[in-house]
Protein backbone atom coordinates (compact mmCIF):
# COMPACT_ATOMS: atom_id res chain seq x y z
CA MET A 1 12.51 -9.83 70.25
CA MET A 2 10.37 -9.65 67.06
CA GLY A 3 11.69 -6.71 64.66
CA ARG A 4 9.41 -4.09 63.08
CA GLN A 5 9.87 -2.47 59.82
CA VAL A 6 9.31 1.26 59.80
CA ALA A 7 9.58 3.42 56.61
CA GLN A 8 11.88 6.34 57.19
CA GLY A 9 12.25 8.74 54.16
CA ALA A 10 16.07 9.41 53.98
CA LEU A 11 17.27 12.76 52.95
CA PHE A 12 19.91 11.54 50.60
CA TYR A 13 20.42 8.42 48.73
CA GLY A 14 23.57 6.62 47.18
CA PHE A 15 21.92 4.62 44.43
CA ARG A 16 22.73 3.56 41.18
CA LEU A 17 20.48 1.37 38.65
CA ASP A 18 23.61 -0.42 37.24
CA ASP A 19 24.01 -2.05 40.73
CA HIS A 20 20.71 -3.56 41.01
CA VAL A 21 20.69 -5.34 37.47
CA PRO A 22 22.21 -8.78 37.94
CA ALA A 23 25.12 -9.72 35.66
CA ASP A 24 23.36 -12.48 33.86
CA HIS A 25 19.95 -10.70 33.48
CA LEU A 26 18.48 -10.96 29.91
CA LEU A 27 18.33 -7.29 29.34
CA ARG A 28 21.97 -6.96 30.28
CA ARG A 29 23.05 -9.63 27.75
CA ILE A 30 20.69 -8.15 25.23
CA ASP A 31 22.19 -4.80 25.52
CA GLY A 32 25.40 -6.07 24.82
CA VAL A 33 24.19 -7.30 21.30
CA LEU A 34 21.70 -4.82 20.27
CA ASP A 35 22.83 -1.64 18.36
CA LEU A 36 20.38 0.96 17.82
CA GLY A 37 22.77 3.41 15.82
CA PHE A 38 20.76 3.22 12.82
CA VAL A 39 17.51 4.88 14.43
CA ARG A 40 18.70 8.63 14.10
CA GLU A 41 19.68 8.02 10.55
CA ALA A 42 16.39 6.27 9.53
CA LEU A 43 14.31 8.93 11.35
CA ALA A 44 16.50 12.05 10.11
CA ALA A 45 13.94 13.22 7.47
CA SER A 46 11.04 12.95 10.01
CA TYR A 47 12.33 15.69 12.36
CA SER A 48 12.89 19.42 11.89
CA ALA A 49 16.15 20.91 12.34
CA SER A 50 14.89 23.47 14.77
CA GLY A 51 12.36 23.72 17.64
CA ARG A 52 12.04 22.19 21.05
CA PRO A 53 14.05 18.66 21.30
CA SER A 54 11.83 15.63 21.08
CA ILE A 55 11.71 12.48 22.91
CA ASP A 56 14.62 10.38 22.10
CA PRO A 57 13.30 7.92 19.11
CA GLU A 58 15.77 5.40 20.47
CA LEU A 59 14.30 5.52 23.96
CA MET A 60 10.89 4.94 22.63
CA LEU A 61 12.31 1.88 20.52
CA ARG A 62 14.09 0.45 23.77
CA MET A 63 10.87 0.77 25.28
CA LEU A 64 9.55 -2.13 23.11
CA VAL A 65 11.51 -4.22 25.29
CA GLY A 66 7.96 -5.36 26.49
CA TYR A 67 7.80 -7.73 23.40
CA LEU A 68 10.44 -9.64 25.35
CA PHE A 69 8.16 -10.24 28.05
CA GLY A 70 5.07 -10.57 26.31
CA ILE A 71 3.81 -6.93 27.18
CA ARG A 72 2.31 -5.54 24.09
CA SER A 73 -0.17 -3.03 25.48
CA GLU A 74 1.10 0.71 25.36
CA ARG A 75 -0.27 1.64 28.43
CA ARG A 76 0.85 -1.42 30.35
CA LEU A 77 4.07 -1.11 28.85
CA CYS A 78 4.79 2.69 30.13
CA GLU A 79 3.88 1.48 33.66
CA GLU A 80 6.12 -1.39 33.73
CA VAL A 81 9.01 0.85 32.58
CA HIS A 82 7.89 3.23 35.21
CA LEU A 83 8.22 0.57 37.90
CA ASN A 84 10.97 -2.12 36.59
CA LEU A 85 14.35 -1.05 37.31
CA ALA A 86 15.81 -3.22 34.91
CA TYR A 87 13.40 -1.84 32.29
CA ARG A 88 14.48 1.90 33.23
CA TRP A 89 18.31 0.37 33.12
CA PHE A 90 17.84 -0.71 29.50
CA CYS A 91 15.96 2.42 28.41
CA ARG A 92 18.78 4.48 29.97
CA LEU A 93 16.22 6.24 32.25
CA ASP A 94 17.42 7.43 35.65
CA LEU A 95 15.13 7.16 38.78
CA GLY A 96 14.13 10.75 38.42
CA ASP A 97 13.55 10.68 34.63
CA ARG A 98 10.01 10.55 33.40
CA VAL A 99 8.38 7.90 31.24
CA PRO A 100 7.01 8.88 28.01
CA ASP A 101 3.20 9.18 27.67
CA HIS A 102 1.44 6.11 26.06
CA SER A 103 -0.22 8.65 24.04
CA THR A 104 3.13 10.02 22.54
CA PHE A 105 4.42 6.56 22.09
CA SER A 106 1.38 5.81 20.09
CA LYS A 107 1.52 8.80 17.59
CA ASN A 108 5.09 8.21 16.96
CA ARG A 109 4.55 4.27 16.54
CA HIS A 110 1.79 5.12 14.32
CA GLY A 111 3.35 8.09 12.61
CA ARG A 112 7.08 8.58 11.83
CA PHE A 113 8.00 5.07 12.93
CA ARG A 114 5.49 3.45 10.42
CA ALA A 115 6.54 5.99 7.63
CA CYS A 116 10.20 4.73 7.48
CA ASP A 117 9.21 1.09 8.47
CA LEU A 118 11.41 1.17 11.44
CA HIS A 119 10.34 -1.96 13.09
CA ARG A 120 11.18 -3.84 9.96
CA LEU A 121 14.62 -2.06 10.04
CA LEU A 122 15.03 -3.29 13.72
CA PHE A 123 14.17 -6.75 12.73
CA GLU A 124 16.74 -6.82 10.18
CA GLN A 125 19.37 -5.47 12.08
CA VAL A 126 18.86 -8.14 14.80
CA VAL A 127 18.87 -10.59 11.74
CA ALA A 128 22.51 -9.27 11.04
CA ARG A 129 23.60 -9.55 14.63
CA CYS A 130 22.48 -13.19 14.56
CA ALA A 131 24.57 -13.84 11.38
CA ALA A 132 27.43 -12.07 12.80
CA ALA A 133 27.13 -14.28 15.74
CA GLY A 134 26.97 -17.52 13.71
CA LEU A 135 23.23 -18.14 14.09
CA VAL A 136 22.54 -17.98 10.36
CA THR A 137 23.66 -20.82 7.89
CA GLY A 138 21.21 -20.25 5.21
CA ARG A 139 21.40 -24.12 4.03
CA ASP A 140 17.97 -25.84 5.32
CA LEU A 141 15.02 -23.71 5.65
CA ALA A 142 11.28 -24.10 6.69
CA VAL A 143 8.15 -22.03 6.27
CA ASP A 144 4.89 -22.12 7.97
CA GLY A 145 1.69 -19.89 8.47
CA SER A 146 -0.06 -19.90 11.99
CA THR A 147 -3.25 -17.93 12.47
CA ILE A 148 -3.12 -14.79 14.84
CA MET A 149 -6.59 -13.30 15.71
CA ALA A 150 -7.26 -9.80 14.58
CA ASP A 151 -8.78 -7.05 16.87
CA ALA A 152 -12.33 -7.25 15.02
CA SER A 153 -15.45 -8.60 15.95
CA ARG A 154 -17.01 -11.52 14.01
CA GLU A 155 -20.42 -10.37 14.52
CA LYS A 156 -19.83 -7.10 12.29
CA LYS A 157 -19.60 -7.91 8.55
CA LEU A 158 -19.99 -6.23 5.30
CA LYS A 159 -20.80 -8.32 2.02
CA GLY A 160 -17.61 -8.32 0.17
CA ALA A 161 -19.16 -7.21 -3.12
CA VAL A 162 -20.11 -3.54 -1.75
CA ALA A 163 -17.95 -3.39 1.33
CA ALA A 164 -15.51 -0.72 -0.36
CA ASP A 165 -18.40 1.21 -1.40
CA GLU A 166 -20.03 1.15 1.80
CA LEU A 167 -16.74 1.95 3.69
CA ARG A 168 -16.07 4.73 1.18
CA ALA A 169 -19.65 6.40 2.17
CA GLY A 170 -19.03 6.34 6.01
CA GLU A 171 -19.08 9.45 7.77
CA SER A 172 -15.63 8.85 9.21
CA ILE A 173 -12.63 6.70 7.80
CA SER A 174 -10.45 5.03 10.29
CA ARG A 175 -6.71 4.29 9.70
CA PRO A 176 -7.22 0.60 9.00
CA VAL A 177 -9.97 1.15 6.71
CA ALA A 178 -7.99 4.04 4.83
CA GLU A 179 -5.15 1.61 4.41
CA TYR A 180 -7.57 -0.86 2.99
CA LEU A 181 -8.99 1.25 0.24
CA ALA A 182 -5.65 2.78 -0.67
CA ALA A 183 -4.59 -0.82 -1.33
CA LEU A 184 -7.65 -1.48 -3.40
CA ASP A 185 -6.83 1.64 -5.42
CA ALA A 186 -3.18 0.89 -5.88
CA ALA A 187 -3.90 -2.85 -6.42
CA LEU A 188 -2.23 -4.13 -9.96
CA PRO A 189 -4.37 -6.06 -12.49
CA PRO A 190 -4.24 -9.84 -11.88
CA ASP A 191 -1.45 -11.74 -13.55
CA PRO A 192 -2.72 -13.79 -16.38
CA ASP A 193 -0.35 -16.69 -15.60
CA GLU A 194 -1.64 -16.86 -11.97
CA PRO A 195 -5.02 -18.32 -10.52
CA ALA A 196 -7.51 -15.45 -10.47
CA PRO A 197 -7.97 -14.33 -6.75
CA VAL A 198 -11.09 -15.19 -5.15
CA ASP A 199 -13.07 -12.10 -3.58
CA PRO A 200 -13.97 -12.44 0.13
CA THR A 201 -17.76 -13.10 0.94
CA SER A 202 -17.50 -10.86 3.90
CA ILE A 203 -15.24 -8.22 5.17
CA SER A 204 -14.92 -6.65 8.53
CA PRO A 205 -15.48 -2.75 8.89
CA THR A 206 -13.29 -2.63 11.84
CA ASP A 207 -10.29 -4.17 10.25
CA PRO A 208 -11.20 -4.94 6.30
CA GLN A 209 -7.78 -6.37 5.47
CA ALA A 210 -8.20 -9.06 8.08
CA ALA A 211 -9.63 -12.61 6.49
CA LEU A 212 -12.44 -14.75 8.10
CA THR A 213 -11.21 -18.10 8.91
CA CYS A 214 -12.57 -21.09 10.96
CA LYS A 215 -9.24 -22.91 11.19
CA HIS A 216 -9.50 -22.91 15.27
CA GLY A 217 -13.19 -23.46 15.92
CA PRO A 218 -15.93 -20.70 15.17
CA ALA A 219 -15.08 -18.08 12.41
CA ARG A 220 -13.04 -15.42 13.56
CA TYR A 221 -11.11 -12.44 11.74
CA ALA A 222 -7.50 -13.12 11.45
CA TYR A 223 -4.09 -12.62 10.02
CA ALA A 224 -1.20 -15.31 9.58
CA ILE A 225 2.21 -14.63 10.37
CA ASN A 226 4.87 -16.51 8.15
CA PRO A 227 8.29 -16.98 9.25
CA LEU A 228 11.32 -18.17 7.30
CA LEU A 229 13.28 -20.48 9.95
CA ASP A 230 16.90 -21.64 9.84
CA LEU A 231 16.50 -25.36 10.50
CA ASP A 232 20.25 -25.42 11.78
CA THR A 233 19.82 -22.65 14.44
CA ASP A 234 16.26 -21.96 14.82
CA CYS A 235 16.75 -18.33 13.98
CA ILE A 236 13.88 -16.55 11.97
CA LEU A 237 15.46 -15.15 9.06
CA ASP A 238 12.57 -13.27 7.54
CA VAL A 239 8.82 -12.91 8.54
CA GLU A 240 5.72 -11.80 6.35
CA ALA A 241 2.05 -10.93 7.44
CA THR A 242 -0.95 -11.95 5.36
CA PRO A 243 -4.65 -12.09 5.84
CA ALA A 244 -5.24 -15.78 7.09
CA ARG A 245 -5.84 -17.42 3.75
CA PHE A 246 -3.82 -20.35 2.19
CA ALA A 247 -3.41 -18.79 -0.84
CA ALA A 248 -1.82 -15.78 0.50
CA GLU A 249 0.30 -17.65 2.98
CA VAL A 250 1.76 -19.64 -0.04
CA ALA A 251 2.38 -16.66 -2.04
CA ALA A 252 4.30 -15.21 0.86
CA THR A 253 6.89 -17.94 0.51
CA ARG A 254 8.20 -16.51 -2.79
CA THR A 255 8.52 -13.20 -1.10
CA LEU A 256 10.33 -14.61 1.93
CA VAL A 257 12.85 -16.57 -0.15
CA SER A 258 13.39 -14.00 -2.47
CA ARG A 259 13.91 -11.46 0.08
CA ALA A 260 16.31 -13.69 2.02
CA GLY A 261 18.50 -13.68 -1.13
CA THR A 262 18.34 -10.08 -1.80
CA ARG A 263 19.05 -8.75 1.48
CA LEU A 264 20.99 -11.58 3.24
CA GLY A 265 22.57 -13.26 0.54
CA ILE A 266 20.98 -16.75 1.21
CA GLU A 267 20.68 -19.10 -1.31
CA PRO A 268 19.19 -22.19 0.33
CA GLU A 269 19.76 -25.81 -0.60
CA SER A 270 16.39 -26.82 0.61
CA LEU A 271 12.99 -25.72 1.89
CA ALA A 272 10.76 -27.77 3.93
CA ALA A 273 6.96 -27.09 4.68
CA ASP A 274 3.59 -28.77 5.04
CA LYS A 275 1.29 -30.22 2.42
CA ALA A 276 -0.65 -26.84 2.06
CA TYR A 277 2.63 -25.75 0.10
CA GLY A 278 2.81 -28.42 -2.25
CA SER A 279 1.05 -26.65 -5.37
CA GLY A 280 2.65 -27.16 -8.68
CA PRO A 281 3.59 -23.55 -9.12
CA LEU A 282 5.42 -23.08 -5.99
CA LEU A 283 7.20 -26.35 -6.53
CA GLY A 284 8.40 -25.41 -9.88
CA TRP A 285 9.48 -22.03 -8.59
CA LEU A 286 11.84 -23.67 -6.16
CA ILE A 287 12.97 -26.53 -8.45
CA ASP A 288 13.92 -23.56 -10.86
CA ARG A 289 15.89 -21.92 -8.26
CA LYS A 290 17.74 -25.22 -7.41
CA ILE A 291 16.09 -25.30 -3.90
CA THR A 292 15.11 -29.02 -2.98
CA PRO A 293 11.51 -28.82 -1.92
CA TYR A 294 10.81 -31.45 1.00
CA ILE A 295 7.17 -30.99 0.63
CA PRO A 296 4.42 -33.32 0.16
CA VAL A 297 2.41 -32.85 -3.18
CA ILE A 298 -1.09 -31.83 -3.31
CA ASP A 299 -2.57 -34.49 -5.35
CA ARG A 300 -6.33 -34.85 -6.33
CA SER A 301 -5.76 -37.50 -9.06
CA ARG A 302 -7.23 -40.42 -7.06
CA GLN A 303 -10.56 -38.60 -6.40
CA ARG A 304 -12.73 -40.51 -8.62
CA ASP A 305 -13.83 -44.00 -7.16
CA ALA A 306 -15.95 -45.67 -10.28
CA PHE A 307 -13.54 -44.93 -12.96
CA PHE A 308 -9.97 -45.24 -13.79
CA THR A 309 -7.87 -42.53 -12.35
CA ARG A 310 -5.34 -40.62 -13.94
CA ASP A 311 -2.93 -42.97 -12.53
CA ALA A 312 -3.95 -45.58 -14.74
CA PHE A 313 -2.72 -43.54 -17.53
CA ARG A 314 0.76 -43.50 -18.64
CA TYR A 315 2.50 -40.35 -20.01
CA ASP A 316 4.81 -40.42 -22.87
CA ARG A 317 7.06 -37.25 -22.47
CA GLU A 318 8.49 -37.45 -25.86
CA ALA A 319 5.21 -37.50 -27.75
CA ASP A 320 3.68 -35.35 -25.35
CA THR A 321 0.84 -37.91 -25.13
CA TYR A 322 -0.95 -40.29 -22.42
CA ARG A 323 -1.72 -44.00 -22.94
CA CYS A 324 -4.96 -45.37 -21.59
CA PRO A 325 -5.05 -48.79 -19.84
CA ALA A 326 -6.01 -50.24 -23.33
CA ASP A 327 -2.89 -48.63 -24.81
CA LYS A 328 -4.66 -46.23 -26.92
CA PRO A 329 -3.36 -42.39 -27.22
CA LEU A 330 -4.75 -39.24 -25.78
CA GLY A 331 -3.54 -36.36 -27.62
CA TYR A 332 -2.96 -32.53 -26.35
CA CYS A 333 -5.94 -30.40 -27.22
CA GLY A 334 -5.19 -27.19 -25.39
CA THR A 335 -4.77 -25.33 -22.23
CA LYS A 336 -7.49 -24.05 -19.76
CA ARG A 337 -7.58 -22.26 -16.22
CA ALA A 338 -5.22 -19.23 -16.98
CA ASN A 339 -2.90 -21.65 -19.04
CA GLN A 340 -2.17 -23.78 -15.94
CA VAL A 341 -3.71 -26.83 -16.86
CA ARG A 342 -3.23 -29.06 -20.23
CA VAL A 343 -5.76 -31.12 -21.51
CA TYR A 344 -5.48 -34.53 -23.41
CA ARG A 345 -8.37 -36.35 -25.23
CA SER A 346 -8.90 -39.84 -26.74
CA HIS A 347 -10.41 -40.22 -30.16
CA VAL A 348 -14.00 -41.36 -30.24
CA ALA A 349 -13.42 -44.44 -32.32
CA ASP A 350 -10.96 -45.58 -30.13
CA CYS A 351 -13.35 -45.41 -27.11
CA ALA A 352 -16.25 -46.71 -28.99
CA GLY A 353 -15.43 -50.33 -29.38
CA CYS A 354 -13.06 -50.56 -26.14
CA GLU A 355 -14.02 -53.14 -23.57
CA LEU A 356 -12.55 -51.10 -20.83
CA LYS A 357 -14.71 -47.99 -21.34
CA PRO A 358 -17.37 -48.90 -18.81
CA ARG A 359 -14.71 -48.52 -16.31
CA CYS A 360 -13.39 -45.54 -17.79
CA THR A 361 -15.91 -43.06 -18.91
CA VAL A 362 -19.59 -42.47 -19.77
CA SER A 363 -18.73 -39.96 -22.46
CA ARG A 364 -17.93 -40.51 -25.90
CA LYS A 365 -14.07 -39.96 -25.11
CA ARG A 366 -12.15 -39.67 -22.18
CA SER A 367 -10.24 -36.46 -21.09
CA ILE A 368 -7.22 -36.13 -18.96
CA THR A 369 -5.61 -33.19 -17.73
CA ARG A 370 -2.07 -32.34 -16.56
CA LEU A 371 -0.67 -29.33 -15.03
CA VAL A 372 1.81 -27.32 -16.48
CA SER A 373 4.17 -27.70 -13.36
CA GLU A 374 3.39 -31.66 -13.49
CA ASP A 375 7.23 -31.98 -14.11
CA ALA A 376 7.80 -30.12 -10.78
CA ARG A 377 5.34 -32.43 -8.88
CA ASP A 378 6.98 -35.61 -10.35
CA ALA A 379 10.34 -34.37 -9.07
CA ALA A 380 8.87 -33.44 -5.39
CA ARG A 381 7.08 -37.17 -5.66
CA ALA A 382 10.54 -38.65 -6.27
CA LEU A 383 11.97 -37.15 -3.12
CA ALA A 384 9.03 -38.63 -0.78
CA GLY A 385 10.34 -41.70 1.18
CA THR A 386 14.06 -40.98 0.90
CA ASP A 387 16.17 -40.47 3.83
CA ALA A 388 16.78 -36.80 3.25
CA TYR A 389 13.12 -36.02 3.05
CA VAL A 390 12.26 -37.99 6.12
CA HIS A 391 14.94 -36.13 7.81
CA ALA A 392 13.72 -32.67 6.55
CA ARG A 393 10.18 -33.35 7.68
CA ARG A 394 11.11 -34.38 10.89
CA ARG A 395 13.05 -31.30 11.44
CA ARG A 396 10.32 -29.03 9.85
CA LYS A 397 8.33 -29.63 13.20
CA ARG A 398 10.86 -27.25 14.91
CA ILE A 399 8.77 -24.41 13.41
CA GLU A 400 5.92 -25.50 15.64
CA ARG A 401 8.15 -24.90 18.65
CA VAL A 402 8.78 -21.26 17.32
CA PHE A 403 4.95 -20.69 16.96
CA GLY A 404 4.25 -21.96 20.51
CA HIS A 405 7.22 -19.59 21.90
CA LEU A 406 5.60 -16.48 19.97
CA LYS A 407 2.11 -17.33 21.56
CA ARG A 408 2.56 -18.65 24.73
CA ASN A 409 5.94 -16.83 26.08
CA LEU A 410 5.69 -13.52 23.86
CA GLY A 411 1.76 -13.17 24.13
CA LEU A 412 1.33 -13.19 20.11
CA ARG A 413 -2.23 -14.75 20.29
CA THR A 414 -4.45 -11.68 19.55
CA LEU A 415 -3.23 -8.45 17.50
CA LYS A 416 -3.32 -5.10 19.38
CA LEU A 417 -3.00 -3.03 16.00
CA ARG A 418 -5.36 -3.27 13.30
CA GLY A 419 -4.69 -3.50 9.41
CA LEU A 420 -2.02 -5.24 7.59
CA ALA A 421 0.58 -2.76 8.29
CA GLY A 422 -0.26 -3.20 12.03
CA ALA A 423 0.09 -7.01 11.81
CA ALA A 424 3.36 -6.79 10.02
CA GLU A 425 4.54 -4.39 12.84
CA GLU A 426 3.54 -6.60 15.40
CA PHE A 427 5.07 -9.79 13.85
CA SER A 428 8.09 -8.12 13.09
CA MET A 429 8.80 -6.88 16.69
CA ALA A 430 7.61 -10.41 17.98
CA ALA A 431 10.38 -12.09 15.60
CA ALA A 432 12.89 -9.55 16.61
CA ALA A 433 12.22 -10.47 20.18
CA TYR A 434 12.44 -14.17 19.52
CA ASN A 435 16.12 -13.61 17.78
CA LEU A 436 17.23 -11.41 20.53
CA GLN A 437 16.58 -14.14 23.27
CA LEU A 438 18.26 -16.35 20.73
CA LEU A 439 21.11 -14.06 20.73
CA ALA A 440 20.99 -13.56 24.42
CA ARG A 441 21.34 -17.32 25.07
CA GLN A 442 24.28 -17.52 22.54
CA ALA A 443 26.01 -14.68 24.58
CA ALA A 444 25.23 -16.19 28.00
CA PRO A 445 28.42 -17.36 29.89
CA ALA A 446 29.04 -21.16 29.72
């Protein structure tokens, strides 16, 4: 006889959430390795000693479990915690407990959480847990940047030269705009030893700190996530948010490596990256810190087709001169481009009667430029082709798999929050979720 299910409400229930979360569930394993005891101490200054008790801040941080499953919308996150028994168990909510409203969640997230950089503290706590579990070796590292689209329309633009004045003149100033204007006011004068920053041609009035990029098709406003990866374990040691500009991504490398040394005590032996990071100043910075750069060198010395390229000139290090193909000297005559480029020139008399001049220059004399960091570039070139270099370049591709996991499995394709601070928050939470999953696999029973 065919049975029929009839819903009958019982007067009493014997129900324990703990009985309905499997022993091998991801959240159960993560709960065993995650310690949020730092939350109350970090937020102590943001709460009054009197008044009505607030929503537990640890509860709101636990609700960010949604990042583990690609849920980044605050409304949907609250709905999922309300419905999902495993989420309720992880958040320490019983069946009768109410889930905080998404508006309360948002206010705390943009207010006191951001004021004390709570999301960054959470990420660092997770990295410390990874280190305790043996997931941090700190020997061979890799760095790269990947574009994440900002929540800003590419159709709305302001000219970069007048954008700040127009934004200040607006009737109301949003939080991302206020952060952008505050960053402009607090900006330090440019370093004379560094290349002058290039002002953007257009700025989004919605998210002015995002950069316009056409890296993946039509131009879009975007940020770049820059992780520092431990190649031995695939653990993300640090992460930095920047506008989607190559110069900003390369500059973030110094921040990541320095911060890993300061906060984690890591002194890496090598760093692998793609050719975009092969600039002389960065290579020199790494070599000065005894970090082997397995990075292809950016080389534009062969861009002249009709004349001898710089490779045809031999550099005499002791005399600090170049020798042309006719063995005539080119002496040092000064620097340019913010003291980054040294210039060497030949003598007019040497070039006047030279048989090779038609293949060398149409000017009265030939000039050669040499970067101040050329010694570091030569050291990086010497590494190319070695077994260690080939092995490091192959291992560097592991960071692409991390980007794929962040975008495909954790839903980090388009940002929900605006401003550089919002991007940093989302990147920190996504990196923490990635590391927690790594920890969970480490803690899984064999």
